[in-house]
Amino acid sequence: MSDKEIDTWRRLIAIDRQQRKGPFDPELREQLDAYLKRRWQSGTGTQQLSDELGINHHTLLFWRSRWGARTQVKGQLRRVEVIAERPLRASKLTLHGPAGTRIENMSLDEVTELWRKLT
């Protein structure tokens, strides 16, 4: 892309930013969008476009998301089956407490009962 064309776009963007806050002028935005889309499709990265024109990179990423990149068919719904969790085995647990306290070989019920008594 020619430096003259980039300078023209930078000037138009600067004028729009001085005249208004918030979104770009709709007419400018439409023209800018077409220009950016054309450049992006020709292989120019969004970071390079952002740097060239002085537009926030995240703004360009947002605009790009509306250029048809999301026209892919969404996945179809599938039937799923919910299976209950397996119950905990009656394994022995180890409880680590503050200041090096360690209580070993307790069942879940025993740990629960101890926790209730300590609180």
Protein backbone atom coordinates (compact mmCIF):
# COMPACT_ATOMS: atom_id res chain seq x y z
CA MET A 1 0.00 0.00 0.00
CA SER A 2 1.31 3.46 -0.83
CA ASP A 3 2.42 5.82 1.89
CA LYS A 4 0.20 8.49 0.37
CA GLU A 5 -2.94 6.33 0.79
CA ILE A 6 -1.98 5.46 4.38
CA ASP A 7 -1.37 9.14 5.16
CA THR A 8 -4.80 10.01 3.71
CA TRP A 9 -6.49 7.43 5.93
CA ARG A 10 -4.55 8.60 9.01
CA ARG A 11 -5.62 12.18 8.31
CA LEU A 12 -9.30 11.23 7.87
CA ILE A 13 -9.20 9.22 11.11
CA ALA A 14 -7.53 12.09 12.98
CA ILE A 15 -10.14 14.57 11.75
CA ASP A 16 -12.96 12.25 12.80
CA ARG A 17 -11.41 11.76 16.25
CA GLN A 18 -11.13 15.55 16.71
CA GLN A 19 -14.72 16.21 15.67
CA ARG A 20 -16.45 13.49 17.66
CA LYS A 21 -16.10 11.13 20.54
CA GLY A 22 -17.38 7.57 20.47
CA PRO A 23 -17.91 5.55 17.31
CA PHE A 24 -16.53 6.64 13.97
CA ASP A 25 -18.75 8.50 11.54
CA PRO A 26 -20.84 5.78 9.85
CA GLU A 27 -19.79 6.79 6.33
CA LEU A 28 -16.09 6.87 7.24
CA ARG A 29 -16.44 3.62 9.15
CA GLU A 30 -17.99 1.90 6.13
CA GLN A 31 -15.19 3.08 3.81
CA LEU A 32 -12.52 2.26 6.37
CA ASP A 33 -14.04 -1.15 6.98
CA ALA A 34 -13.93 -1.98 3.24
CA TYR A 35 -10.30 -0.80 3.00
CA LEU A 36 -9.21 -2.77 6.06
CA LYS A 37 -11.04 -5.90 4.96
CA ARG A 38 -9.41 -5.73 1.53
CA ARG A 39 -5.95 -5.29 3.06
CA TRP A 40 -6.54 -8.06 5.61
CA GLN A 41 -7.71 -10.49 2.91
CA SER A 42 -4.57 -9.71 0.91
CA GLY A 43 -2.45 -10.94 3.83
CA THR A 44 -1.76 -7.85 5.94
CA GLY A 45 -2.02 -8.59 9.66
CA THR A 46 -4.33 -6.68 11.96
CA GLN A 47 -1.41 -5.50 14.10
CA GLN A 48 0.29 -3.97 11.05
CA LEU A 49 -2.96 -2.31 9.96
CA SER A 50 -3.45 -0.98 13.47
CA ASP A 51 0.06 0.47 13.54
CA GLU A 52 -0.25 2.00 10.07
CA LEU A 53 -3.54 3.76 10.73
CA GLY A 54 -3.27 4.48 14.44
CA ILE A 55 -6.39 2.53 15.35
CA ASN A 56 -6.51 0.43 18.50
CA HIS A 57 -5.65 -3.18 17.71
CA HIS A 58 -8.59 -4.50 19.75
CA THR A 59 -10.93 -2.28 17.74
CA LEU A 60 -9.66 -3.87 14.53
CA LEU A 61 -10.07 -7.34 15.99
CA PHE A 62 -13.68 -6.48 16.88
CA TRP A 63 -14.35 -5.17 13.39
CA ARG A 64 -12.73 -8.25 11.84
CA SER A 65 -15.11 -10.45 13.82
CA ARG A 66 -17.93 -8.88 11.80
CA TRP A 67 -16.30 -9.43 8.38
CA GLY A 68 -17.90 -12.81 7.89
CA ALA A 69 -15.33 -14.75 9.86
CA ARG A 70 -18.24 -16.06 11.92
CA THR A 71 -20.31 -17.31 9.01
CA GLN A 72 -19.32 -20.88 9.74
CA VAL A 73 -22.17 -23.22 10.59
CA LYS A 74 -22.48 -23.62 14.31
CA GLY A 75 -22.25 -27.09 15.78
CA GLN A 76 -25.45 -29.02 16.11
CA LEU A 77 -26.94 -29.97 19.44
CA ARG A 78 -26.20 -33.50 20.57
CA ARG A 79 -27.93 -35.67 23.11
CA VAL A 80 -25.84 -36.25 26.22
CA GLU A 81 -26.30 -38.60 29.11
CA VAL A 82 -25.55 -37.46 32.64
CA ILE A 83 -24.03 -40.20 34.77
CA ALA A 84 -23.97 -39.90 38.54
CA GLU A 85 -20.57 -39.64 40.18
CA ARG A 86 -19.14 -42.72 41.72
CA PRO A 87 -19.42 -42.65 45.48
CA LEU A 88 -16.21 -42.08 47.37
CA ARG A 89 -14.55 -45.23 48.46
CA ALA A 90 -14.11 -45.73 52.16
CA SER A 91 -10.50 -44.71 51.83
CA LYS A 92 -8.46 -43.21 54.59
CA LEU A 93 -7.66 -39.50 54.36
CA THR A 94 -4.86 -37.39 55.74
CA LEU A 95 -5.69 -33.99 57.17
CA HIS A 96 -2.98 -31.30 57.22
CA GLY A 97 -3.53 -28.44 59.61
CA PRO A 98 -1.68 -25.28 60.64
CA ALA A 99 1.71 -25.40 62.40
CA GLY A 100 2.46 -28.87 61.05
CA THR A 101 -0.59 -30.61 62.47
CA ARG A 102 -1.23 -33.85 60.62
CA ILE A 103 -4.01 -36.37 61.23
CA GLU A 104 -3.85 -39.58 59.22
CA ASN A 105 -6.01 -42.56 58.35
CA MET A 106 -9.44 -41.03 58.85
CA SER A 107 -12.56 -41.78 56.85
CA LEU A 108 -14.50 -38.96 55.25
CA ASP A 109 -17.19 -39.26 57.94
CA GLU A 110 -14.55 -39.01 60.68
CA VAL A 111 -12.95 -35.94 59.07
CA THR A 112 -16.39 -34.31 58.74
CA GLU A 113 -17.22 -35.03 62.37
CA LEU A 114 -13.84 -33.67 63.53
CA TRP A 115 -14.27 -30.55 61.39
CA ARG A 116 -17.70 -29.88 62.93
CA LYS A 117 -16.37 -30.29 66.44
CA LEU A 118 -13.43 -27.96 65.80
CA THR A 119 -15.54 -25.17 64.34
